[in-house]
Amino acid sequence: MPGRPAPSRRTVLRSVAATPVAGLGLAACSPGDDGAAPARPTAPVDLGADGEVAKGATKLFPDGNVVVTRAQDGSLKAFSTVCTHAGCPIKKLEGTKLVCNCHGSEFDARTGEVLHAPATVPLVELPVEVKQGRIVASPGT
């Protein structure tokens, strides 16, 4: 039957070899249902004793996906540590810089602002307060 020539063995083998690699690349960049953390907690999160974060300090609470900073005046700020690029939980704090190990996005832990792409959206700020001597972050709205 006339038409297109049959592909060479080399073309077929290259196509077969490239297919799984392309699929892995797409899976790695999509948040999906199995590994992406919610952008904010679904209930209040007890982060520990009020003394856990000193004045002028920043502390990462990886189990709660929250980072808390305390200003020199004693006020607290909290942000979700779920990367806004692909939903990966951020587990690395270098000084006041949060670094996402999935794709290298960086955020200022004191403001939530993006310091380095691929993320373009700041971290979600969370309401935080001290209740009965404990730091508690809430989902907010």
C-alpha atoms as a PDB file:
ATOM      1  CA  MET A   1       0.000   0.000   0.000  1.00  0.00           C
ATOM      2  CA  PRO A   2       1.479   3.384  -0.975  1.00  0.00           C
ATOM      3  CA  GLY A   3       1.913   6.083   1.696  1.00  0.00           C
ATOM      4  CA  ARG A   4       4.477   7.027   4.269  1.00  0.00           C
ATOM      5  CA  PRO A   5       7.637   4.967   4.528  1.00  0.00           C
ATOM      6  CA  ALA A   6       7.938   2.776   7.596  1.00  0.00           C
ATOM      7  CA  PRO A   7       9.981   4.357  10.395  1.00  0.00           C
ATOM      8  CA  SER A   8      13.487   3.045  10.848  1.00  0.00           C
ATOM      9  CA  ARG A   9      14.334   0.809  13.778  1.00  0.00           C
ATOM     10  CA  ARG A  10      16.428   3.668  15.242  1.00  0.00           C
ATOM     11  CA  THR A  11      13.442   6.092  15.138  1.00  0.00           C
ATOM     12  CA  VAL A  12      11.183   3.601  16.898  1.00  0.00           C
ATOM     13  CA  LEU A  13      13.763   2.873  19.625  1.00  0.00           C
ATOM     14  CA  ARG A  14      14.374   6.596  20.256  1.00  0.00           C
ATOM     15  CA  SER A  15      10.638   7.239  20.609  1.00  0.00           C
ATOM     16  CA  VAL A  16      10.195   4.354  23.031  1.00  0.00           C
ATOM     17  CA  ALA A  17      13.183   5.480  25.125  1.00  0.00           C
ATOM     18  CA  ALA A  18      12.017   9.116  25.320  1.00  0.00           C
ATOM     19  CA  THR A  19       8.434   8.385  26.356  1.00  0.00           C
ATOM     20  CA  PRO A  20       9.079   7.416  30.017  1.00  0.00           C
ATOM     21  CA  VAL A  21      11.497  10.323  30.479  1.00  0.00           C
ATOM     22  CA  ALA A  22       8.927  12.840  29.264  1.00  0.00           C
ATOM     23  CA  GLY A  23       6.322  11.343  31.580  1.00  0.00           C
ATOM     24  CA  LEU A  24       8.640  11.609  34.585  1.00  0.00           C
ATOM     25  CA  GLY A  25       9.364  15.245  33.798  1.00  0.00           C
ATOM     26  CA  LEU A  26       5.668  16.083  33.681  1.00  0.00           C
ATOM     27  CA  ALA A  27       4.966  14.187  36.899  1.00  0.00           C
ATOM     28  CA  ALA A  28       7.778  15.972  38.727  1.00  0.00           C
ATOM     29  CA  CYS A  29       6.413  19.414  37.845  1.00  0.00           C
ATOM     30  CA  SER A  30       2.779  18.807  38.685  1.00  0.00           C
ATOM     31  CA  PRO A  31       1.526  19.041  42.264  1.00  0.00           C
ATOM     32  CA  GLY A  32      -0.840  16.096  41.925  1.00  0.00           C
ATOM     33  CA  ASP A  33      -2.795  14.536  44.753  1.00  0.00           C
ATOM     34  CA  ASP A  34       0.035  12.470  46.172  1.00  0.00           C
ATOM     35  CA  GLY A  35       2.625  14.749  47.695  1.00  0.00           C
ATOM     36  CA  ALA A  36       1.308  18.244  47.290  1.00  0.00           C
ATOM     37  CA  ALA A  37       0.580  19.800  50.628  1.00  0.00           C
ATOM     38  CA  PRO A  38      -2.412  22.094  51.153  1.00  0.00           C
ATOM     39  CA  ALA A  39      -1.411  25.772  50.858  1.00  0.00           C
ATOM     40  CA  ARG A  40      -2.672  26.467  54.371  1.00  0.00           C
ATOM     41  CA  PRO A  41      -3.442  24.333  57.399  1.00  0.00           C
ATOM     42  CA  THR A  42      -6.980  22.996  57.612  1.00  0.00           C
ATOM     43  CA  ALA A  43      -7.139  23.525  61.397  1.00  0.00           C
ATOM     44  CA  PRO A  44      -5.162  25.479  64.006  1.00  0.00           C
ATOM     45  CA  VAL A  45      -1.592  24.179  64.368  1.00  0.00           C
ATOM     46  CA  ASP A  46       0.119  24.204  67.781  1.00  0.00           C
ATOM     47  CA  LEU A  47       3.743  25.007  66.980  1.00  0.00           C
ATOM     48  CA  GLY A  48       5.161  24.863  70.481  1.00  0.00           C
ATOM     49  CA  ALA A  49       5.928  27.026  73.468  1.00  0.00           C
ATOM     50  CA  ASP A  50       5.972  30.798  73.072  1.00  0.00           C
ATOM     51  CA  GLY A  51       9.708  30.801  73.834  1.00  0.00           C
ATOM     52  CA  GLU A  52      10.459  28.649  70.746  1.00  0.00           C
ATOM     53  CA  VAL A  53      10.915  31.792  68.625  1.00  0.00           C
ATOM     54  CA  ALA A  54      13.105  34.496  70.165  1.00  0.00           C
ATOM     55  CA  LYS A  55      12.899  38.199  69.267  1.00  0.00           C
ATOM     56  CA  GLY A  56      14.489  38.771  65.874  1.00  0.00           C
ATOM     57  CA  ALA A  57      14.481  35.040  65.100  1.00  0.00           C
ATOM     58  CA  THR A  58      12.890  32.861  62.436  1.00  0.00           C
ATOM     59  CA  LYS A  59      11.953  29.228  62.959  1.00  0.00           C
ATOM     60  CA  LEU A  60      10.766  26.586  60.511  1.00  0.00           C
ATOM     61  CA  PHE A  61       8.164  24.108  61.766  1.00  0.00           C
ATOM     62  CA  PRO A  62       8.395  21.481  59.001  1.00  0.00           C
ATOM     63  CA  ASP A  63       5.811  19.128  60.486  1.00  0.00           C
ATOM     64  CA  GLY A  64       3.199  21.888  60.367  1.00  0.00           C
ATOM     65  CA  ASN A  65       4.404  23.400  57.043  1.00  0.00           C
ATOM     66  CA  VAL A  66       4.729  26.767  58.782  1.00  0.00           C
ATOM     67  CA  VAL A  67       7.523  29.288  59.325  1.00  0.00           C
ATOM     68  CA  VAL A  68       7.283  31.860  62.127  1.00  0.00           C
ATOM     69  CA  THR A  69       9.273  35.048  62.641  1.00  0.00           C
ATOM     70  CA  ARG A  70       9.264  37.259  65.704  1.00  0.00           C
ATOM     71  CA  ALA A  71      10.124  40.940  65.261  1.00  0.00           C
ATOM     72  CA  GLN A  72      12.176  42.854  67.818  1.00  0.00           C
ATOM     73  CA  ASP A  73       8.911  44.265  69.222  1.00  0.00           C
ATOM     74  CA  GLY A  74       7.722  40.705  69.944  1.00  0.00           C
ATOM     75  CA  SER A  75       5.066  40.544  67.198  1.00  0.00           C
ATOM     76  CA  LEU A  76       4.741  37.279  65.266  1.00  0.00           C
ATOM     77  CA  LYS A  77       4.260  36.575  61.564  1.00  0.00           C
ATOM     78  CA  ALA A  78       3.635  33.160  60.058  1.00  0.00           C
ATOM     79  CA  PHE A  79       3.613  31.823  56.518  1.00  0.00           C
ATOM     80  CA  SER A  80       2.726  28.505  54.962  1.00  0.00           C
ATOM     81  CA  THR A  81       5.858  26.723  53.762  1.00  0.00           C
ATOM     82  CA  VAL A  82       4.094  25.097  50.847  1.00  0.00           C
ATOM     83  CA  CYS A  83       5.805  26.336  47.685  1.00  0.00           C
ATOM     84  CA  THR A  84       3.470  28.345  45.488  1.00  0.00           C
ATOM     85  CA  HIS A  85       5.113  26.968  42.343  1.00  0.00           C
ATOM     86  CA  ALA A  86       4.195  23.276  42.531  1.00  0.00           C
ATOM     87  CA  GLY A  87       2.883  22.647  46.036  1.00  0.00           C
ATOM     88  CA  CYS A  88       6.019  21.042  47.485  1.00  0.00           C
ATOM     89  CA  PRO A  89       6.510  21.387  51.249  1.00  0.00           C
ATOM     90  CA  ILE A  90       9.608  23.490  51.954  1.00  0.00           C
ATOM     91  CA  LYS A  91      11.878  21.858  54.525  1.00  0.00           C
ATOM     92  CA  LYS A  92      14.987  24.075  54.317  1.00  0.00           C
ATOM     93  CA  LEU A  93      15.585  27.404  56.083  1.00  0.00           C
ATOM     94  CA  GLU A  94      18.897  29.210  55.550  1.00  0.00           C
ATOM     95  CA  GLY A  95      18.910  32.214  57.887  1.00  0.00           C
ATOM     96  CA  THR A  96      15.697  33.934  56.806  1.00  0.00           C
ATOM     97  CA  LYS A  97      15.551  32.341  53.338  1.00  0.00           C
ATOM     98  CA  LEU A  98      13.290  29.373  52.616  1.00  0.00           C
ATOM     99  CA  VAL A  99      14.559  27.108  49.827  1.00  0.00           C
ATOM    100  CA  CYS A 100      12.275  24.657  48.019  1.00  0.00           C
ATOM    101  CA  ASN A 101      14.148  21.495  47.132  1.00  0.00           C
ATOM    102  CA  CYS A 102      11.748  20.579  44.306  1.00  0.00           C
ATOM    103  CA  HIS A 103      12.624  23.313  41.801  1.00  0.00           C
ATOM    104  CA  GLY A 104      14.817  25.828  43.651  1.00  0.00           C
ATOM    105  CA  SER A 105      12.296  28.561  44.451  1.00  0.00           C
ATOM    106  CA  GLU A 106      13.392  30.812  47.312  1.00  0.00           C
ATOM    107  CA  PHE A 107      11.277  32.938  49.654  1.00  0.00           C
ATOM    108  CA  ASP A 108      11.899  35.518  52.372  1.00  0.00           C
ATOM    109  CA  ALA A 109      10.639  33.833  55.552  1.00  0.00           C
ATOM    110  CA  ARG A 110       9.894  37.238  57.148  1.00  0.00           C
ATOM    111  CA  THR A 111       7.664  38.553  54.339  1.00  0.00           C
ATOM    112  CA  GLY A 112       6.742  35.514  52.233  1.00  0.00           C
ATOM    113  CA  GLU A 113       8.022  37.312  49.122  1.00  0.00           C
ATOM    114  CA  VAL A 114       9.618  35.377  46.268  1.00  0.00           C
ATOM    115  CA  LEU A 115      13.397  35.820  46.122  1.00  0.00           C
ATOM    116  CA  HIS A 116      14.119  33.359  43.298  1.00  0.00           C
ATOM    117  CA  ALA A 117      11.938  31.784  40.582  1.00  0.00           C
ATOM    118  CA  PRO A 118      10.365  29.561  39.342  1.00  0.00           C
ATOM    119  CA  ALA A 119       7.747  30.588  41.933  1.00  0.00           C
ATOM    120  CA  THR A 120       6.150  33.945  41.160  1.00  0.00           C
ATOM    121  CA  VAL A 121       3.504  34.108  43.905  1.00  0.00           C
ATOM    122  CA  PRO A 122       4.402  34.881  47.544  1.00  0.00           C
ATOM    123  CA  LEU A 123       3.798  32.386  50.338  1.00  0.00           C
ATOM    124  CA  VAL A 124       0.388  32.385  52.030  1.00  0.00           C
ATOM    125  CA  GLU A 125       0.419  34.439  55.243  1.00  0.00           C
ATOM    126  CA  LEU A 126      -1.275  32.735  58.182  1.00  0.00           C
ATOM    127  CA  PRO A 127      -2.858  34.237  61.265  1.00  0.00           C
ATOM    128  CA  VAL A 128      -0.655  33.468  64.275  1.00  0.00           C
ATOM    129  CA  GLU A 129      -1.061  34.177  67.971  1.00  0.00           C
ATOM    130  CA  VAL A 130       0.027  33.039  71.391  1.00  0.00           C
ATOM    131  CA  LYS A 131      -2.675  31.088  73.227  1.00  0.00           C
ATOM    132  CA  GLN A 132      -2.043  29.889  76.757  1.00  0.00           C
ATOM    133  CA  GLY A 133       1.709  30.184  76.252  1.00  0.00           C
ATOM    134  CA  ARG A 134       1.690  28.293  72.916  1.00  0.00           C
ATOM    135  CA  ILE A 135       2.286  29.597  69.387  1.00  0.00           C
ATOM    136  CA  VAL A 136      -0.731  28.716  67.250  1.00  0.00           C
ATOM    137  CA  ALA A 137      -1.069  29.257  63.486  1.00  0.00           C
ATOM    138  CA  SER A 138      -4.570  29.199  62.025  1.00  0.00           C
ATOM    139  CA  PRO A 139      -5.886  28.549  58.511  1.00  0.00           C
ATOM    140  CA  GLY A 140      -7.400  32.026  58.209  1.00  0.00           C
ATOM    141  CA  THR A 141      -9.513  32.788  55.164  1.00  0.00           C
END
